[in-house]
Amino acid sequence: MRSLLVTALAAALLCGCAAADDWSEPHGKPAAVGELGAGFIDPDAPPAPEATITPRPGSWEQVHPPKGYRVVLLSTGEDASTKTLESAVTRWAEDEDVSLKTVDATDRRDHIAPIVAAMKLGPDLIIAAGNGLIDPLALVSANHLDRQFLVLGAEIAEPTFNVTAANWPGAAFRGEGLGMRDSYDPATFTPERAANALRAGVAAVLTGTTGVVVRVA
C-alpha cells in the first residue's frame, strides 16, 4: 500500500504542474467568478441532498473558477468513455487557467491508495473519471468531508454533501450491481456532453450546490 501511494503521488507531480507551482502555499477558499443563470436551480426551493437537478441548458456558462483553482483529475481505465472525460477536463483546465494535476488509478486491485494520494495533494476539487472509481469513492469520500469531489460521467448511490455528480442519460453508473446495463451507454460519451456536464458540475460546486446529481441533456 505504501509503495503504491508513493508511486501515485510521484506520478501526480510529474503529470501535473511543475515543481515550481504554488500548491504548497496557503490557499483561501475558492469563490466562483460570475453568477448562475436563471433555471440552474430554483433559489426559493434549493435541491435536497442526493437530489437530481436538470439545469436549463447554458445556465452555468457564466460561472468560472478563480485563476489558479487547484484541481486533481483522478482517473482509471483505458476505455474511450474515460478518455473522453479526461480530454474534457484537460481542455477545460487550459481554457480556465486552472492548476491541474493528475493521478492515474491504474491498479485495478487497489483504487483506495490513488484516492488518498489525490487528497494529500490538497486540491480545491478532485474530479473522478472512470467507473472503476465509484465503489472506492463511496467508501472513502464519506470519511473525508473536508474534500470536495466531482464525479464526472457517473454518480455515487448515496453521496455525502461533499460529493457532487455531473452526468447525462447513459452516463449514470452508480456502482457494481446497480443497473449497469440501464445506466451506462458508452455511445453517449461525446466531447460536447462531457464538457457541458463538467462545466455545470463545477458551477454547482463553486456556488455551493453540492451533494447532488447535475444532469445535462
C-alpha atoms as a PDB file:
ATOM      1  CA  MET A   1       0.000   0.000   0.000  1.00  0.00           C
ATOM      2  CA  ARG A   2       2.732   2.437   0.989  1.00  0.00           C
ATOM      3  CA  SER A   3       4.725   1.892  -2.177  1.00  0.00           C
ATOM      4  CA  LEU A   4       1.624   2.341  -4.352  1.00  0.00           C
ATOM      5  CA  LEU A   5       0.779   5.567  -2.550  1.00  0.00           C
ATOM      6  CA  VAL A   6       4.248   6.954  -3.124  1.00  0.00           C
ATOM      7  CA  THR A   7       4.098   5.947  -6.776  1.00  0.00           C
ATOM      8  CA  ALA A   8       0.745   7.636  -7.253  1.00  0.00           C
ATOM      9  CA  LEU A   9       1.963  10.826  -5.627  1.00  0.00           C
ATOM     10  CA  ALA A  10       5.074  10.874  -7.785  1.00  0.00           C
ATOM     11  CA  ALA A  11       3.016  10.322 -10.909  1.00  0.00           C
ATOM     12  CA  ALA A  12       0.710  13.146  -9.937  1.00  0.00           C
ATOM     13  CA  LEU A  13       3.568  15.561  -9.564  1.00  0.00           C
ATOM     14  CA  LEU A  14       5.095  14.522 -12.865  1.00  0.00           C
ATOM     15  CA  CYS A  15       1.851  14.606 -14.824  1.00  0.00           C
ATOM     16  CA  GLY A  16       0.523  17.836 -13.410  1.00  0.00           C
ATOM     17  CA  CYS A  17       2.018  21.182 -12.641  1.00  0.00           C
ATOM     18  CA  ALA A  18       5.731  21.765 -12.441  1.00  0.00           C
ATOM     19  CA  ALA A  19       7.603  21.543  -9.162  1.00  0.00           C
ATOM     20  CA  ALA A  20       7.728  25.344  -9.043  1.00  0.00           C
ATOM     21  CA  ASP A  21       3.951  25.691  -8.660  1.00  0.00           C
ATOM     22  CA  ASP A  22       2.429  27.175  -5.512  1.00  0.00           C
ATOM     23  CA  TRP A  23       0.302  24.282  -4.243  1.00  0.00           C
ATOM     24  CA  SER A  24       2.335  24.211  -1.038  1.00  0.00           C
ATOM     25  CA  GLU A  25       1.468  27.842  -0.311  1.00  0.00           C
ATOM     26  CA  PRO A  26      -1.565  28.943   1.745  1.00  0.00           C
ATOM     27  CA  HIS A  27      -4.699  28.977  -0.351  1.00  0.00           C
ATOM     28  CA  GLY A  28      -8.026  30.528   0.598  1.00  0.00           C
ATOM     29  CA  LYS A  29     -11.408  29.010  -0.102  1.00  0.00           C
ATOM     30  CA  PRO A  30     -12.124  29.485  -3.829  1.00  0.00           C
ATOM     31  CA  ALA A  31     -15.040  31.634  -4.898  1.00  0.00           C
ATOM     32  CA  ALA A  32     -16.947  31.495  -8.153  1.00  0.00           C
ATOM     33  CA  VAL A  33     -16.313  34.131 -10.787  1.00  0.00           C
ATOM     34  CA  GLY A  34     -19.684  35.100 -12.245  1.00  0.00           C
ATOM     35  CA  GLU A  35     -23.200  34.014 -11.384  1.00  0.00           C
ATOM     36  CA  LEU A  36     -25.548  31.209 -12.326  1.00  0.00           C
ATOM     37  CA  GLY A  37     -28.163  31.971 -14.935  1.00  0.00           C
ATOM     38  CA  ALA A  38     -31.896  31.508 -14.496  1.00  0.00           C
ATOM     39  CA  GLY A  39     -33.002  27.909 -14.440  1.00  0.00           C
ATOM     40  CA  PHE A  40     -29.948  26.296 -12.889  1.00  0.00           C
ATOM     41  CA  ILE A  41     -31.826  25.805  -9.619  1.00  0.00           C
ATOM     42  CA  ASP A  42     -34.888  27.358  -8.040  1.00  0.00           C
ATOM     43  CA  PRO A  43     -33.434  29.701  -5.384  1.00  0.00           C
ATOM     44  CA  ASP A  44     -36.708  29.557  -3.475  1.00  0.00           C
ATOM     45  CA  ALA A  45     -36.601  25.759  -3.327  1.00  0.00           C
ATOM     46  CA  PRO A  46     -32.977  24.605  -3.271  1.00  0.00           C
ATOM     47  CA  PRO A  47     -32.440  20.918  -4.030  1.00  0.00           C
ATOM     48  CA  ALA A  48     -32.416  18.424  -1.195  1.00  0.00           C
ATOM     49  CA  PRO A  49     -29.305  16.309  -0.548  1.00  0.00           C
ATOM     50  CA  GLU A  50     -28.910  13.495  -3.101  1.00  0.00           C
ATOM     51  CA  ALA A  51     -31.451  15.147  -5.422  1.00  0.00           C
ATOM     52  CA  THR A  52     -31.061  15.176  -9.196  1.00  0.00           C
ATOM     53  CA  ILE A  53     -31.273  18.583 -10.833  1.00  0.00           C
ATOM     54  CA  THR A  54     -31.614  19.299 -14.557  1.00  0.00           C
ATOM     55  CA  PRO A  55     -30.332  22.836 -15.134  1.00  0.00           C
ATOM     56  CA  ARG A  56     -31.557  24.863 -18.055  1.00  0.00           C
ATOM     57  CA  PRO A  57     -29.009  24.461 -20.877  1.00  0.00           C
ATOM     58  CA  GLY A  58     -26.345  27.127 -20.681  1.00  0.00           C
ATOM     59  CA  SER A  59     -27.386  28.376 -17.226  1.00  0.00           C
ATOM     60  CA  TRP A  60     -23.902  27.503 -15.939  1.00  0.00           C
ATOM     61  CA  GLU A  61     -21.904  29.239 -18.669  1.00  0.00           C
ATOM     62  CA  GLN A  62     -21.235  32.481 -16.796  1.00  0.00           C
ATOM     63  CA  VAL A  63     -19.724  30.734 -13.763  1.00  0.00           C
ATOM     64  CA  HIS A  64     -15.955  30.233 -13.853  1.00  0.00           C
ATOM     65  CA  PRO A  65     -13.357  29.071 -11.350  1.00  0.00           C
ATOM     66  CA  PRO A  66     -10.929  31.653  -9.992  1.00  0.00           C
ATOM     67  CA  LYS A  67      -7.496  31.788 -11.570  1.00  0.00           C
ATOM     68  CA  GLY A  68      -5.247  29.102 -10.133  1.00  0.00           C
ATOM     69  CA  TYR A  69      -8.134  26.890  -8.978  1.00  0.00           C
ATOM     70  CA  ARG A  70      -6.459  23.691  -7.825  1.00  0.00           C
ATOM     71  CA  VAL A  71      -7.866  20.514  -9.320  1.00  0.00           C
ATOM     72  CA  VAL A  72      -6.756  16.901  -9.311  1.00  0.00           C
ATOM     73  CA  LEU A  73      -8.027  14.681 -12.108  1.00  0.00           C
ATOM     74  CA  LEU A  74      -8.318  11.167 -10.687  1.00  0.00           C
ATOM     75  CA  SER A  75      -8.990   8.630 -13.413  1.00  0.00           C
ATOM     76  CA  THR A  76      -8.926   4.941 -14.203  1.00  0.00           C
ATOM     77  CA  GLY A  77      -9.476   2.951 -17.366  1.00  0.00           C
ATOM     78  CA  GLU A  78      -8.309   2.969 -20.955  1.00  0.00           C
ATOM     79  CA  ASP A  79     -11.804   2.836 -22.464  1.00  0.00           C
ATOM     80  CA  ALA A  80     -12.981   5.506 -24.868  1.00  0.00           C
ATOM     81  CA  SER A  81     -15.558   6.858 -22.411  1.00  0.00           C
ATOM     82  CA  THR A  82     -12.957   7.604 -19.757  1.00  0.00           C
ATOM     83  CA  LYS A  83     -10.592   9.130 -22.304  1.00  0.00           C
ATOM     84  CA  THR A  84     -13.377  11.461 -23.442  1.00  0.00           C
ATOM     85  CA  LEU A  85     -13.857  12.614 -19.854  1.00  0.00           C
ATOM     86  CA  GLU A  86     -10.131  13.106 -19.338  1.00  0.00           C
ATOM     87  CA  SER A  87      -9.872  15.193 -22.501  1.00  0.00           C
ATOM     88  CA  ALA A  88     -12.781  17.368 -21.397  1.00  0.00           C
ATOM     89  CA  VAL A  89     -11.093  18.101 -18.068  1.00  0.00           C
ATOM     90  CA  THR A  90      -7.749  18.867 -19.693  1.00  0.00           C
ATOM     91  CA  ARG A  91      -9.268  21.281 -22.213  1.00  0.00           C
ATOM     92  CA  TRP A  92     -11.372  22.970 -19.542  1.00  0.00           C
ATOM     93  CA  ALA A  93      -8.346  23.453 -17.298  1.00  0.00           C
ATOM     94  CA  GLU A  94      -6.426  25.079 -20.138  1.00  0.00           C
ATOM     95  CA  ASP A  95      -9.328  27.348 -21.062  1.00  0.00           C
ATOM     96  CA  GLU A  96      -9.998  28.424 -17.476  1.00  0.00           C
ATOM     97  CA  ASP A  97      -6.376  28.774 -16.294  1.00  0.00           C
ATOM     98  CA  VAL A  98      -6.929  26.010 -13.746  1.00  0.00           C
ATOM     99  CA  SER A  99      -3.933  24.489 -11.971  1.00  0.00           C
ATOM    100  CA  LEU A 100      -4.349  20.789 -12.820  1.00  0.00           C
ATOM    101  CA  LYS A 101      -2.577  17.696 -11.512  1.00  0.00           C
ATOM    102  CA  THR A 102      -3.412  14.120 -12.409  1.00  0.00           C
ATOM    103  CA  VAL A 103      -3.426  10.827 -10.537  1.00  0.00           C
ATOM    104  CA  ASP A 104      -3.890   7.651 -12.539  1.00  0.00           C
ATOM    105  CA  ALA A 105      -5.522   4.784 -10.644  1.00  0.00           C
ATOM    106  CA  THR A 106      -4.071   2.110 -12.895  1.00  0.00           C
ATOM    107  CA  ASP A 107      -4.011  -0.779 -10.409  1.00  0.00           C
ATOM    108  CA  ARG A 108      -7.478  -2.332 -10.523  1.00  0.00           C
ATOM    109  CA  ARG A 109      -6.750  -4.262  -7.328  1.00  0.00           C
ATOM    110  CA  ASP A 110      -6.471  -1.096  -5.262  1.00  0.00           C
ATOM    111  CA  HIS A 111      -8.162   2.194  -6.085  1.00  0.00           C
ATOM    112  CA  ILE A 112      -8.113   3.423  -2.482  1.00  0.00           C
ATOM    113  CA  ALA A 113      -4.450   4.447  -2.455  1.00  0.00           C
ATOM    114  CA  PRO A 114      -4.732   6.725  -5.512  1.00  0.00           C
ATOM    115  CA  ILE A 115      -7.758   8.429  -3.955  1.00  0.00           C
ATOM    116  CA  VAL A 116      -5.714   9.043  -0.813  1.00  0.00           C
ATOM    117  CA  ALA A 117      -2.845  10.324  -2.963  1.00  0.00           C
ATOM    118  CA  ALA A 118      -5.187  12.764  -4.680  1.00  0.00           C
ATOM    119  CA  MET A 119      -6.450  14.081  -1.345  1.00  0.00           C
ATOM    120  CA  LYS A 120      -2.924  14.508   0.011  1.00  0.00           C
ATOM    121  CA  LEU A 121      -2.130  16.919  -2.810  1.00  0.00           C
ATOM    122  CA  GLY A 122      -4.557  19.370  -1.176  1.00  0.00           C
ATOM    123  CA  PRO A 123      -6.684  20.395  -4.172  1.00  0.00           C
ATOM    124  CA  ASP A 124      -9.781  22.561  -4.153  1.00  0.00           C
ATOM    125  CA  LEU A 125     -11.581  19.833  -6.099  1.00  0.00           C
ATOM    126  CA  ILE A 126     -10.978  16.217  -7.069  1.00  0.00           C
ATOM    127  CA  ILE A 127     -12.624  15.222 -10.361  1.00  0.00           C
ATOM    128  CA  ALA A 128     -13.132  11.476 -10.722  1.00  0.00           C
ATOM    129  CA  ALA A 129     -13.396   9.841 -14.155  1.00  0.00           C
ATOM    130  CA  GLY A 130     -13.892   6.129 -14.723  1.00  0.00           C
ATOM    131  CA  ASN A 131     -16.494   3.677 -13.449  1.00  0.00           C
ATOM    132  CA  GLY A 132     -13.885   1.724 -11.519  1.00  0.00           C
ATOM    133  CA  LEU A 133     -13.576   4.576  -9.015  1.00  0.00           C
ATOM    134  CA  ILE A 134     -17.246   4.710  -7.999  1.00  0.00           C
ATOM    135  CA  ASP A 135     -17.318   1.999  -5.340  1.00  0.00           C
ATOM    136  CA  PRO A 136     -13.979   3.045  -3.750  1.00  0.00           C
ATOM    137  CA  LEU A 137     -15.081   6.691  -3.705  1.00  0.00           C
ATOM    138  CA  ALA A 138     -18.286   5.743  -1.936  1.00  0.00           C
ATOM    139  CA  LEU A 139     -16.162   4.266   0.855  1.00  0.00           C
ATOM    140  CA  VAL A 140     -13.538   6.992   1.099  1.00  0.00           C
ATOM    141  CA  SER A 141     -15.402  10.245   0.486  1.00  0.00           C
ATOM    142  CA  ALA A 142     -17.774   9.902   3.430  1.00  0.00           C
ATOM    143  CA  ASN A 143     -14.787   9.830   5.789  1.00  0.00           C
ATOM    144  CA  HIS A 144     -13.161  12.934   4.316  1.00  0.00           C
ATOM    145  CA  LEU A 145     -15.835  15.594   4.360  1.00  0.00           C
ATOM    146  CA  ASP A 146     -13.218  18.332   4.087  1.00  0.00           C
ATOM    147  CA  ARG A 147     -12.547  17.331   0.477  1.00  0.00           C
ATOM    148  CA  GLN A 148     -14.783  18.215  -2.449  1.00  0.00           C
ATOM    149  CA  PHE A 149     -15.308  15.587  -5.147  1.00  0.00           C
ATOM    150  CA  LEU A 150     -16.937  15.856  -8.560  1.00  0.00           C
ATOM    151  CA  VAL A 151     -17.826  12.543 -10.201  1.00  0.00           C
ATOM    152  CA  LEU A 152     -17.931  13.057 -13.958  1.00  0.00           C
ATOM    153  CA  GLY A 153     -19.956  10.738 -16.176  1.00  0.00           C
ATOM    154  CA  ALA A 154     -21.251   8.595 -13.294  1.00  0.00           C
ATOM    155  CA  GLU A 155     -22.586   9.023  -9.747  1.00  0.00           C
ATOM    156  CA  ILE A 156     -22.415   7.606  -6.234  1.00  0.00           C
ATOM    157  CA  ALA A 157     -25.558   5.917  -4.966  1.00  0.00           C
ATOM    158  CA  GLU A 158     -25.687   7.706  -1.589  1.00  0.00           C
ATOM    159  CA  PRO A 159     -23.342  10.699  -1.696  1.00  0.00           C
ATOM    160  CA  THR A 160     -22.424  12.863   1.235  1.00  0.00           C
ATOM    161  CA  PHE A 161     -22.601  16.635   0.841  1.00  0.00           C
ATOM    162  CA  ASN A 162     -19.014  16.787  -0.439  1.00  0.00           C
ATOM    163  CA  VAL A 163     -19.657  14.541  -3.454  1.00  0.00           C
ATOM    164  CA  THR A 164     -21.360  16.061  -6.485  1.00  0.00           C
ATOM    165  CA  ALA A 165     -22.011  14.217  -9.739  1.00  0.00           C
ATOM    166  CA  ALA A 166     -22.288  15.623 -13.246  1.00  0.00           C
ATOM    167  CA  ASN A 167     -23.672  13.338 -15.932  1.00  0.00           C
ATOM    168  CA  TRP A 168     -26.380  12.743 -18.534  1.00  0.00           C
ATOM    169  CA  PRO A 169     -28.721   9.894 -19.541  1.00  0.00           C
ATOM    170  CA  GLY A 170     -26.457   6.972 -20.376  1.00  0.00           C
ATOM    171  CA  ALA A 171     -23.702   8.202 -18.050  1.00  0.00           C
ATOM    172  CA  ALA A 172     -25.181   7.426 -14.640  1.00  0.00           C
ATOM    173  CA  PHE A 173     -23.300   4.319 -13.481  1.00  0.00           C
ATOM    174  CA  ARG A 174     -23.789   4.061  -9.690  1.00  0.00           C
ATOM    175  CA  GLY A 175     -21.590   1.133  -8.721  1.00  0.00           C
ATOM    176  CA  GLU A 176     -21.311  -2.580  -9.250  1.00  0.00           C
ATOM    177  CA  GLY A 177     -24.634  -4.411  -9.210  1.00  0.00           C
ATOM    178  CA  LEU A 178     -26.727  -1.253  -9.599  1.00  0.00           C
ATOM    179  CA  GLY A 179     -28.139  -1.448 -13.105  1.00  0.00           C
ATOM    180  CA  MET A 180     -25.045  -1.140 -15.257  1.00  0.00           C
ATOM    181  CA  ARG A 181     -26.925  -2.068 -18.414  1.00  0.00           C
ATOM    182  CA  ASP A 182     -29.501   0.699 -17.988  1.00  0.00           C
ATOM    183  CA  SER A 183     -27.239   3.418 -16.636  1.00  0.00           C
ATOM    184  CA  TYR A 184     -24.190   3.179 -18.898  1.00  0.00           C
ATOM    185  CA  ASP A 185     -24.135   3.633 -22.648  1.00  0.00           C
ATOM    186  CA  PRO A 186     -20.643   4.410 -23.982  1.00  0.00           C
ATOM    187  CA  ALA A 187     -22.136   5.838 -27.184  1.00  0.00           C
ATOM    188  CA  THR A 188     -23.482   8.796 -25.178  1.00  0.00           C
ATOM    189  CA  PHE A 189     -19.996   9.913 -24.099  1.00  0.00           C
ATOM    190  CA  THR A 190     -19.438  12.703 -26.580  1.00  0.00           C
ATOM    191  CA  PRO A 191     -16.985  15.583 -26.103  1.00  0.00           C
ATOM    192  CA  GLU A 192     -19.866  18.084 -26.029  1.00  0.00           C
ATOM    193  CA  ARG A 193     -21.791  16.236 -23.302  1.00  0.00           C
ATOM    194  CA  ALA A 194     -18.656  15.728 -21.244  1.00  0.00           C
ATOM    195  CA  ALA A 195     -17.748  19.416 -21.489  1.00  0.00           C
ATOM    196  CA  ASN A 196     -21.254  20.595 -20.576  1.00  0.00           C
ATOM    197  CA  ALA A 197     -21.502  18.207 -17.638  1.00  0.00           C
ATOM    198  CA  LEU A 198     -18.080  19.250 -16.364  1.00  0.00           C
ATOM    199  CA  ARG A 199     -18.832  22.972 -16.518  1.00  0.00           C
ATOM    200  CA  ALA A 200     -22.270  22.508 -14.956  1.00  0.00           C
ATOM    201  CA  GLY A 201     -20.829  20.344 -12.200  1.00  0.00           C
ATOM    202  CA  VAL A 202     -18.024  22.758 -11.385  1.00  0.00           C
ATOM    203  CA  ALA A 203     -20.516  25.634 -11.351  1.00  0.00           C
ATOM    204  CA  ALA A 204     -22.611  23.707  -8.832  1.00  0.00           C
ATOM    205  CA  VAL A 205     -19.610  23.075  -6.581  1.00  0.00           C
ATOM    206  CA  LEU A 206     -18.377  26.669  -6.743  1.00  0.00           C
ATOM    207  CA  THR A 207     -21.815  28.058  -5.886  1.00  0.00           C
ATOM    208  CA  GLY A 208     -22.458  25.638  -3.023  1.00  0.00           C
ATOM    209  CA  THR A 209     -24.966  23.267  -4.625  1.00  0.00           C
ATOM    210  CA  THR A 210     -23.136  20.101  -3.620  1.00  0.00           C
ATOM    211  CA  GLY A 211     -24.127  16.540  -2.785  1.00  0.00           C
ATOM    212  CA  VAL A 212     -26.490  16.392  -5.764  1.00  0.00           C
ATOM    213  CA  VAL A 213     -26.551  14.965  -9.269  1.00  0.00           C
ATOM    214  CA  VAL A 214     -26.342  17.597 -12.002  1.00  0.00           C
ATOM    215  CA  ARG A 215     -27.793  16.040 -15.137  1.00  0.00           C
ATOM    216  CA  VAL A 216     -27.438  17.711 -18.524  1.00  0.00           C
ATOM    217  CA  ALA A 217     -29.058  16.743 -21.819  1.00  0.00           C
END
